[in-house]
Amino acid sequence: MWKSAFWKDAFERAVRTLAQVLGALVVAAGSGLLDTDWIALFSAAGMAGLLSVLTSLASEVKSPDGTASMIHAEPEPEPAPAAGAIPG
């Protein structure tokens, strides 16, 4: 949680979540550009972004590998060279 990579991941996820929720709410409202209650929409999208950051923080407790993901991925082993391959 104290690494910059964690916060970059968390910020990216929060911005994506905020944009997705805002887009969904604008489409669901079905109103025009001037008729939309932008304060309410940004409030709801901002709450989703905040919840995304909190989820990232919770993921650090579950999987302390330095990322904002709850999935702890083991590094993939390098594939073995093919039989008869010339090392290079």
PDB file of N, CA and C in Angstrom:
ATOM      1  N   MET A   1       0.824  -1.189   0.000  1.00  0.00           N
ATOM      2  CA  MET A   1       0.000   0.000   0.000  1.00  0.00           C
ATOM      3  C   MET A   1       0.870   1.256   0.000  1.00  0.00           C
ATOM      4  N   TRP A   2       2.088   1.131   0.370  1.00  0.00           N
ATOM      5  CA  TRP A   2       2.954   2.311   0.459  1.00  0.00           C
ATOM      6  C   TRP A   2       3.797   2.505  -0.794  1.00  0.00           C
ATOM      7  N   LYS A   3       3.472   1.761  -1.844  1.00  0.00           N
ATOM      8  CA  LYS A   3       4.212   1.891  -3.091  1.00  0.00           C
ATOM      9  C   LYS A   3       3.416   2.738  -4.079  1.00  0.00           C
ATOM     10  N   SER A   4       4.135   3.463  -4.919  1.00  0.00           N
ATOM     11  CA  SER A   4       3.444   4.314  -5.886  1.00  0.00           C
ATOM     12  C   SER A   4       2.672   3.481  -6.910  1.00  0.00           C
ATOM     13  N   ALA A   5       3.136   2.265  -7.210  1.00  0.00           N
ATOM     14  CA  ALA A   5       2.427   1.400  -8.155  1.00  0.00           C
ATOM     15  C   ALA A   5       1.023   1.074  -7.648  1.00  0.00           C
ATOM     16  N   PHE A   6       0.895   0.862  -6.346  1.00  0.00           N
ATOM     17  CA  PHE A   6      -0.417   0.575  -5.757  1.00  0.00           C
ATOM     18  C   PHE A   6      -1.364   1.736  -5.994  1.00  0.00           C
ATOM     19  N   TRP A   7      -0.912   2.950  -5.706  1.00  0.00           N
ATOM     20  CA  TRP A   7      -1.781   4.116  -5.839  1.00  0.00           C
ATOM     21  C   TRP A   7      -2.085   4.438  -7.293  1.00  0.00           C
ATOM     22  N   LYS A   8      -1.152   4.158  -8.198  1.00  0.00           N
ATOM     23  CA  LYS A   8      -1.440   4.329  -9.629  1.00  0.00           C
ATOM     24  C   LYS A   8      -2.532   3.358 -10.059  1.00  0.00           C
ATOM     25  N   ASP A   9      -2.423   2.093  -9.617  1.00  0.00           N
ATOM     26  CA  ASP A   9      -3.455   1.107  -9.925  1.00  0.00           C
ATOM     27  C   ASP A   9      -4.808   1.534  -9.349  1.00  0.00           C
ATOM     28  N   ALA A  10      -4.794   1.934  -8.089  1.00  0.00           N
ATOM     29  CA  ALA A  10      -6.037   2.314  -7.417  1.00  0.00           C
ATOM     30  C   ALA A  10      -6.674   3.529  -8.092  1.00  0.00           C
ATOM     31  N   PHE A  11      -5.862   4.522  -8.464  1.00  0.00           N
ATOM     32  CA  PHE A  11      -6.385   5.721  -9.117  1.00  0.00           C
ATOM     33  C   PHE A  11      -6.959   5.376 -10.486  1.00  0.00           C
ATOM     34  N   GLU A  12      -6.249   4.545 -11.231  1.00  0.00           N
ATOM     35  CA  GLU A  12      -6.748   4.147 -12.556  1.00  0.00           C
ATOM     36  C   GLU A  12      -8.079   3.424 -12.435  1.00  0.00           C
ATOM     37  N   ARG A  13      -8.190   2.519 -11.482  1.00  0.00           N
ATOM     38  CA  ARG A  13      -9.440   1.788 -11.288  1.00  0.00           C
ATOM     39  C   ARG A  13     -10.570   2.718 -10.854  1.00  0.00           C
ATOM     40  N   ALA A  14     -10.263   3.669  -9.997  1.00  0.00           N
ATOM     41  CA  ALA A  14     -11.291   4.593  -9.523  1.00  0.00           C
ATOM     42  C   ALA A  14     -11.786   5.486 -10.657  1.00  0.00           C
ATOM     43  N   VAL A  15     -10.885   5.974 -11.485  1.00  0.00           N
ATOM     44  CA  VAL A  15     -11.286   6.834 -12.608  1.00  0.00           C
ATOM     45  C   VAL A  15     -12.121   6.035 -13.604  1.00  0.00           C
ATOM     46  N   ARG A  16     -11.711   4.803 -13.883  1.00  0.00           N
ATOM     47  CA  ARG A  16     -12.499   3.970 -14.801  1.00  0.00           C
ATOM     48  C   ARG A  16     -13.890   3.708 -14.242  1.00  0.00           C
ATOM     49  N   THR A  17     -13.965   3.395 -12.956  1.00  0.00           N
ATOM     50  CA  THR A  17     -15.257   3.136 -12.327  1.00  0.00           C
ATOM     51  C   THR A  17     -16.130   4.379 -12.373  1.00  0.00           C
ATOM     52  N   LEU A  18     -15.549   5.523 -12.043  1.00  0.00           N
ATOM     53  CA  LEU A  18     -16.298   6.773 -12.069  1.00  0.00           C
ATOM     54  C   LEU A  18     -16.838   7.038 -13.473  1.00  0.00           C
ATOM     55  N   ALA A  19     -16.020   6.883 -14.489  1.00  0.00           N
ATOM     56  CA  ALA A  19     -16.447   7.137 -15.865  1.00  0.00           C
ATOM     57  C   ALA A  19     -17.537   6.162 -16.305  1.00  0.00           C
ATOM     58  N   GLN A  20     -17.404   4.892 -15.927  1.00  0.00           N
ATOM     59  CA  GLN A  20     -18.408   3.902 -16.306  1.00  0.00           C
ATOM     60  C   GLN A  20     -19.751   4.200 -15.650  1.00  0.00           C
ATOM     61  N   VAL A  21     -19.734   4.536 -14.377  1.00  0.00           N
ATOM     62  CA  VAL A  21     -20.984   4.835 -13.672  1.00  0.00           C
ATOM     63  C   VAL A  21     -21.600   6.113 -14.222  1.00  0.00           C
ATOM     64  N   LEU A  22     -20.788   7.124 -14.460  1.00  0.00           N
ATOM     65  CA  LEU A  22     -21.305   8.376 -15.007  1.00  0.00           C
ATOM     66  C   LEU A  22     -21.936   8.134 -16.376  1.00  0.00           C
ATOM     67  N   GLY A  23     -21.260   7.376 -17.226  1.00  0.00           N
ATOM     68  CA  GLY A  23     -21.819   7.068 -18.541  1.00  0.00           C
ATOM     69  C   GLY A  23     -23.131   6.308 -18.450  1.00  0.00           C
ATOM     70  N   ALA A  24     -23.184   5.329 -17.560  1.00  0.00           N
ATOM     71  CA  ALA A  24     -24.411   4.554 -17.398  1.00  0.00           C
ATOM     72  C   ALA A  24     -25.553   5.419 -16.882  1.00  0.00           C
ATOM     73  N   LEU A  25     -25.265   6.307 -15.955  1.00  0.00           N
ATOM     74  CA  LEU A  25     -26.317   7.169 -15.405  1.00  0.00           C
ATOM     75  C   LEU A  25     -26.820   8.185 -16.427  1.00  0.00           C
ATOM     76  N   VAL A  26     -25.918   8.713 -17.239  1.00  0.00           N
ATOM     77  CA  VAL A  26     -26.334   9.667 -18.267  1.00  0.00           C
ATOM     78  C   VAL A  26     -27.251   8.975 -19.267  1.00  0.00           C
ATOM     79  N   VAL A  27     -26.892   7.780 -19.686  1.00  0.00           N
ATOM     80  CA  VAL A  27     -27.723   7.042 -20.636  1.00  0.00           C
ATOM     81  C   VAL A  27     -29.058   6.664 -19.991  1.00  0.00           C
ATOM     82  N   ALA A  28     -29.018   6.226 -18.738  1.00  0.00           N
ATOM     83  CA  ALA A  28     -30.237   5.809 -18.052  1.00  0.00           C
ATOM     84  C   ALA A  28     -31.185   6.988 -17.811  1.00  0.00           C
ATOM     85  N   ALA A  29     -30.621   8.180 -17.617  1.00  0.00           N
ATOM     86  CA  ALA A  29     -31.469   9.349 -17.371  1.00  0.00           C
ATOM     87  C   ALA A  29     -32.288   9.692 -18.609  1.00  0.00           C
ATOM     88  N   GLY A  30     -31.711   9.496 -19.777  1.00  0.00           N
ATOM     89  CA  GLY A  30     -32.434   9.731 -21.020  1.00  0.00           C
ATOM     90  C   GLY A  30     -32.870  11.164 -21.220  1.00  0.00           C
ATOM     91  N   SER A  31     -32.184  12.101 -20.583  1.00  0.00           N
ATOM     92  CA  SER A  31     -32.553  13.504 -20.726  1.00  0.00           C
ATOM     93  C   SER A  31     -31.485  14.232 -21.534  1.00  0.00           C
ATOM     94  N   GLY A  32     -31.783  15.449 -21.886  1.00  0.00           N
ATOM     95  CA  GLY A  32     -30.858  16.238 -22.687  1.00  0.00           C
ATOM     96  C   GLY A  32     -29.702  16.775 -21.882  1.00  0.00           C
ATOM     97  N   LEU A  33     -28.754  17.366 -22.570  1.00  0.00           N
ATOM     98  CA  LEU A  33     -27.546  17.898 -21.946  1.00  0.00           C
ATOM     99  C   LEU A  33     -27.870  18.961 -20.894  1.00  0.00           C
ATOM    100  N   LEU A  34     -28.844  19.811 -21.187  1.00  0.00           N
ATOM    101  CA  LEU A  34     -29.180  20.899 -20.263  1.00  0.00           C
ATOM    102  C   LEU A  34     -30.192  20.478 -19.204  1.00  0.00           C
ATOM    103  N   ASP A  35     -30.898  19.381 -19.443  1.00  0.00           N
ATOM    104  CA  ASP A  35     -31.920  18.928 -18.491  1.00  0.00           C
ATOM    105  C   ASP A  35     -31.379  17.960 -17.443  1.00  0.00           C
ATOM    106  N   THR A  36     -30.168  17.515 -17.606  1.00  0.00           N
ATOM    107  CA  THR A  36     -29.594  16.516 -16.702  1.00  0.00           C
ATOM    108  C   THR A  36     -29.167  17.149 -15.389  1.00  0.00           C
ATOM    109  N   ASP A  37     -29.441  16.449 -14.298  1.00  0.00           N
ATOM    110  CA  ASP A  37     -29.011  16.906 -12.968  1.00  0.00           C
ATOM    111  C   ASP A  37     -27.567  16.436 -12.774  1.00  0.00           C
ATOM    112  N   TRP A  38     -26.622  17.240 -13.266  1.00  0.00           N
ATOM    113  CA  TRP A  38     -25.212  16.856 -13.272  1.00  0.00           C
ATOM    114  C   TRP A  38     -24.645  16.688 -11.869  1.00  0.00           C
ATOM    115  N   ILE A  39     -25.118  17.469 -10.926  1.00  0.00           N
ATOM    116  CA  ILE A  39     -24.611  17.359  -9.546  1.00  0.00           C
ATOM    117  C   ILE A  39     -24.941  15.982  -8.972  1.00  0.00           C
ATOM    118  N   ALA A  40     -26.164  15.530  -9.183  1.00  0.00           N
ATOM    119  CA  ALA A  40     -26.559  14.211  -8.678  1.00  0.00           C
ATOM    120  C   ALA A  40     -25.775  13.106  -9.383  1.00  0.00           C
ATOM    121  N   LEU A  41     -25.577  13.248 -10.696  1.00  0.00           N
ATOM    122  CA  LEU A  41     -24.847  12.218 -11.431  1.00  0.00           C
ATOM    123  C   LEU A  41     -23.386  12.152 -10.994  1.00  0.00           C
ATOM    124  N   PHE A  42     -22.737  13.307 -10.864  1.00  0.00           N
ATOM    125  CA  PHE A  42     -21.350  13.303 -10.419  1.00  0.00           C
ATOM    126  C   PHE A  42     -21.226  12.847  -8.964  1.00  0.00           C
ATOM    127  N   SER A  43     -22.237  13.126  -8.161  1.00  0.00           N
ATOM    128  CA  SER A  43     -22.227  12.655  -6.781  1.00  0.00           C
ATOM    129  C   SER A  43     -22.256  11.126  -6.730  1.00  0.00           C
ATOM    130  N   ALA A  44     -23.137  10.527  -7.512  1.00  0.00           N
ATOM    131  CA  ALA A  44     -23.229   9.065  -7.540  1.00  0.00           C
ATOM    132  C   ALA A  44     -21.963   8.449  -8.128  1.00  0.00           C
ATOM    133  N   ALA A  45     -21.447   9.037  -9.202  1.00  0.00           N
ATOM    134  CA  ALA A  45     -20.227   8.514  -9.817  1.00  0.00           C
ATOM    135  C   ALA A  45     -19.033   8.692  -8.882  1.00  0.00           C
ATOM    136  N   GLY A  46     -18.981   9.809  -8.173  1.00  0.00           N
ATOM    137  CA  GLY A  46     -17.903  10.038  -7.209  1.00  0.00           C
ATOM    138  C   GLY A  46     -17.934   9.030  -6.074  1.00  0.00           C
ATOM    139  N   MET A  47     -19.134   8.675  -5.636  1.00  0.00           N
ATOM    140  CA  MET A  47     -19.266   7.657  -4.586  1.00  0.00           C
ATOM    141  C   MET A  47     -18.756   6.313  -5.094  1.00  0.00           C
ATOM    142  N   ALA A  48     -19.048   5.990  -6.355  1.00  0.00           N
ATOM    143  CA  ALA A  48     -18.543   4.744  -6.929  1.00  0.00           C
ATOM    144  C   ALA A  48     -17.021   4.768  -7.001  1.00  0.00           C
ATOM    145  N   GLY A  49     -16.437   5.910  -7.360  1.00  0.00           N
ATOM    146  CA  GLY A  49     -14.982   6.034  -7.396  1.00  0.00           C
ATOM    147  C   GLY A  49     -14.375   5.862  -6.013  1.00  0.00           C
ATOM    148  N   LEU A  50     -15.004   6.446  -5.005  1.00  0.00           N
ATOM    149  CA  LEU A  50     -14.530   6.303  -3.625  1.00  0.00           C
ATOM    150  C   LEU A  50     -14.601   4.846  -3.179  1.00  0.00           C
ATOM    151  N   LEU A  51     -15.700   4.181  -3.505  1.00  0.00           N
ATOM    152  CA  LEU A  51     -15.825   2.767  -3.154  1.00  0.00           C
ATOM    153  C   LEU A  51     -14.772   1.922  -3.873  1.00  0.00           C
ATOM    154  N   SER A  52     -14.403   2.319  -5.077  1.00  0.00           N
ATOM    155  CA  SER A  52     -13.343   1.626  -5.791  1.00  0.00           C
ATOM    156  C   SER A  52     -12.009   1.748  -5.052  1.00  0.00           C
ATOM    157  N   VAL A  53     -11.699   2.935  -4.553  1.00  0.00           N
ATOM    158  CA  VAL A  53     -10.463   3.136  -3.790  1.00  0.00           C
ATOM    159  C   VAL A  53     -10.498   2.309  -2.503  1.00  0.00           C
ATOM    160  N   LEU A  54     -11.635   2.291  -1.835  1.00  0.00           N
ATOM    161  CA  LEU A  54     -11.759   1.497  -0.606  1.00  0.00           C
ATOM    162  C   LEU A  54     -11.599   0.003  -0.907  1.00  0.00           C
ATOM    163  N   THR A  55     -12.122  -0.444  -2.038  1.00  0.00           N
ATOM    164  CA  THR A  55     -11.941  -1.832  -2.439  1.00  0.00           C
ATOM    165  C   THR A  55     -10.464  -2.126  -2.691  1.00  0.00           C
ATOM    166  N   SER A  56      -9.766  -1.178  -3.303  1.00  0.00           N
ATOM    167  CA  SER A  56      -8.325  -1.360  -3.529  1.00  0.00           C
ATOM    168  C   SER A  56      -7.574  -1.462  -2.212  1.00  0.00           C
ATOM    169  N   LEU A  57      -7.956  -0.638  -1.241  1.00  0.00           N
ATOM    170  CA  LEU A  57      -7.313  -0.708   0.073  1.00  0.00           C
ATOM    171  C   LEU A  57      -7.596  -2.045   0.744  1.00  0.00           C
ATOM    172  N   ALA A  58      -8.816  -2.534   0.615  1.00  0.00           N
ATOM    173  CA  ALA A  58      -9.159  -3.833   1.190  1.00  0.00           C
ATOM    174  C   ALA A  58      -8.392  -4.949   0.494  1.00  0.00           C
ATOM    175  N   SER A  59      -8.140  -4.784  -0.788  1.00  0.00           N
ATOM    176  CA  SER A  59      -7.408  -5.817  -1.516  1.00  0.00           C
ATOM    177  C   SER A  59      -5.971  -5.924  -1.032  1.00  0.00           C
ATOM    178  N   GLU A  60      -5.410  -4.815  -0.583  1.00  0.00           N
ATOM    179  CA  GLU A  60      -4.036  -4.833  -0.063  1.00  0.00           C
ATOM    180  C   GLU A  60      -3.965  -5.695   1.191  1.00  0.00           C
ATOM    181  N   VAL A  61      -5.013  -5.689   1.990  1.00  0.00           N
ATOM    182  CA  VAL A  61      -5.049  -6.518   3.192  1.00  0.00           C
ATOM    183  C   VAL A  61      -5.146  -7.989   2.805  1.00  0.00           C
ATOM    184  N   LYS A  62      -5.951  -8.290   1.779  1.00  0.00           N
ATOM    185  CA  LYS A  62      -6.156  -9.680   1.356  1.00  0.00           C
ATOM    186  C   LYS A  62      -4.955 -10.232   0.606  1.00  0.00           C
ATOM    187  N   SER A  63      -4.352  -9.430  -0.247  1.00  0.00           N
ATOM    188  CA  SER A  63      -3.265  -9.897  -1.094  1.00  0.00           C
ATOM    189  C   SER A  63      -2.153  -8.854  -1.116  1.00  0.00           C
ATOM    190  N   PRO A  64      -1.282  -8.858  -0.108  1.00  0.00           N
ATOM    191  CA  PRO A  64      -0.257  -7.810  -0.002  1.00  0.00           C
ATOM    192  C   PRO A  64       0.908  -7.996  -0.975  1.00  0.00           C
ATOM    193  N   ASP A  65       0.610  -7.925  -2.286  1.00  0.00           N
ATOM    194  CA  ASP A  65       1.680  -8.073  -3.272  1.00  0.00           C
ATOM    195  C   ASP A  65       2.050  -6.749  -3.923  1.00  0.00           C
ATOM    196  N   GLY A  66       1.542  -5.642  -3.378  1.00  0.00           N
ATOM    197  CA  GLY A  66       1.920  -4.329  -3.885  1.00  0.00           C
ATOM    198  C   GLY A  66       1.037  -3.786  -4.981  1.00  0.00           C
ATOM    199  N   THR A  67      -0.052  -4.501  -5.328  1.00  0.00           N
ATOM    200  CA  THR A  67      -0.967  -4.000  -6.340  1.00  0.00           C
ATOM    201  C   THR A  67      -2.327  -3.733  -5.716  1.00  0.00           C
ATOM    202  N   ALA A  68      -3.203  -3.120  -6.500  1.00  0.00           N
ATOM    203  CA  ALA A  68      -4.550  -2.823  -6.013  1.00  0.00           C
ATOM    204  C   ALA A  68      -5.537  -3.913  -6.412  1.00  0.00           C
ATOM    205  N   SER A  69      -5.044  -5.081  -6.747  1.00  0.00           N
ATOM    206  CA  SER A  69      -5.894  -6.178  -7.185  1.00  0.00           C
ATOM    207  C   SER A  69      -6.088  -7.191  -6.063  1.00  0.00           C
ATOM    208  N   MET A  70      -7.286  -7.770  -5.996  1.00  0.00           N
ATOM    209  CA  MET A  70      -7.538  -8.809  -5.005  1.00  0.00           C
ATOM    210  C   MET A  70      -7.017 -10.162  -5.458  1.00  0.00           C
ATOM    211  N   ILE A  71      -6.636 -10.262  -6.713  1.00  0.00           N
ATOM    212  CA  ILE A  71      -6.138 -11.521  -7.244  1.00  0.00           C
ATOM    213  C   ILE A  71      -4.628 -11.531  -7.121  1.00  0.00           C
ATOM    214  N   HIS A  72      -4.129 -12.483  -6.384  1.00  0.00           N
ATOM    215  CA  HIS A  72      -2.684 -12.609  -6.204  1.00  0.00           C
ATOM    216  C   HIS A  72      -2.164 -13.522  -7.289  1.00  0.00           C
ATOM    217  N   ALA A  73      -1.489 -12.959  -8.243  1.00  0.00           N
ATOM    218  CA  ALA A  73      -0.992 -13.741  -9.376  1.00  0.00           C
ATOM    219  C   ALA A  73       0.448 -14.149  -9.129  1.00  0.00           C
ATOM    220  N   GLU A  74       0.682 -15.432  -9.249  1.00  0.00           N
ATOM    221  CA  GLU A  74       2.043 -15.943  -9.157  1.00  0.00           C
ATOM    222  C   GLU A  74       2.748 -15.615 -10.464  1.00  0.00           C
ATOM    223  N   PRO A  75       4.016 -15.285 -10.427  1.00  0.00           N
ATOM    224  CA  PRO A  75       4.727 -15.034 -11.678  1.00  0.00           C
ATOM    225  C   PRO A  75       4.730 -16.285 -12.550  1.00  0.00           C
ATOM    226  N   GLU A  76       4.481 -16.089 -13.840  1.00  0.00           N
ATOM    227  CA  GLU A  76       4.455 -17.227 -14.758  1.00  0.00           C
ATOM    228  C   GLU A  76       5.876 -17.682 -15.044  1.00  0.00           C
ATOM    229  N   PRO A  77       6.106 -18.994 -15.011  1.00  0.00           N
ATOM    230  CA  PRO A  77       7.458 -19.482 -15.316  1.00  0.00           C
ATOM    231  C   PRO A  77       7.754 -19.278 -16.803  1.00  0.00           C
ATOM    232  N   GLU A  78       9.021 -19.078 -17.091  1.00  0.00           N
ATOM    233  CA  GLU A  78       9.421 -18.917 -18.490  1.00  0.00           C
ATOM    234  C   GLU A  78       9.294 -20.256 -19.183  1.00  0.00           C
ATOM    235  N   PRO A  79       8.812 -20.247 -20.432  1.00  0.00           N
ATOM    236  CA  PRO A  79       8.661 -21.529 -21.128  1.00  0.00           C
ATOM    237  C   PRO A  79      10.016 -22.158 -21.412  1.00  0.00           C
ATOM    238  N   ALA A  80      10.038 -23.469 -21.372  1.00  0.00           N
ATOM    239  CA  ALA A  80      11.269 -24.203 -21.658  1.00  0.00           C
ATOM    240  C   ALA A  80      11.578 -24.090 -23.148  1.00  0.00           C
ATOM    241  N   PRO A  81      12.842 -24.017 -23.505  1.00  0.00           N
ATOM    242  CA  PRO A  81      13.172 -23.942 -24.935  1.00  0.00           C
ATOM    243  C   PRO A  81      12.730 -25.216 -25.655  1.00  0.00           C
ATOM    244  N   ALA A  82      12.365 -25.036 -26.899  1.00  0.00           N
ATOM    245  CA  ALA A  82      11.916 -26.180 -27.691  1.00  0.00           C
ATOM    246  C   ALA A  82      13.087 -27.130 -27.926  1.00  0.00           C
ATOM    247  N   ALA A  83      12.757 -28.393 -28.067  1.00  0.00           N
ATOM    248  CA  ALA A  83      13.794 -29.401 -28.311  1.00  0.00           C
ATOM    249  C   ALA A  83      14.532 -29.069 -29.602  1.00  0.00           C
ATOM    250  N   GLY A  84      15.822 -29.064 -29.549  1.00  0.00           N
ATOM    251  CA  GLY A  84      16.628 -28.785 -30.716  1.00  0.00           C
ATOM    252  C   GLY A  84      16.825 -27.312 -30.998  1.00  0.00           C
ATOM    253  N   ALA A  85      16.298 -26.438 -30.119  1.00  0.00           N
ATOM    254  CA  ALA A  85      16.440 -25.001 -30.334  1.00  0.00           C
ATOM    255  C   ALA A  85      17.865 -24.570 -29.995  1.00  0.00           C
ATOM    256  N   ILE A  86      18.338 -23.622 -30.723  1.00  0.00           N
ATOM    257  CA  ILE A  86      19.680 -23.092 -30.492  1.00  0.00           C
ATOM    258  C   ILE A  86      19.554 -21.923 -29.517  1.00  0.00           C
ATOM    259  N   PRO A  87      20.211 -22.019 -28.351  1.00  0.00           N
ATOM    260  CA  PRO A  87      20.110 -20.917 -27.387  1.00  0.00           C
ATOM    261  C   PRO A  87      20.709 -19.651 -27.988  1.00  0.00           C
ATOM    262  N   GLY A  88      20.092 -18.525 -27.665  1.00  0.00           N
ATOM    263  CA  GLY A  88      20.633 -17.331 -28.273  1.00  0.00           C
ATOM    264  C   GLY A  88      20.272 -16.168 -27.524  1.00  0.00           C
TER     265      GLY A  88
END
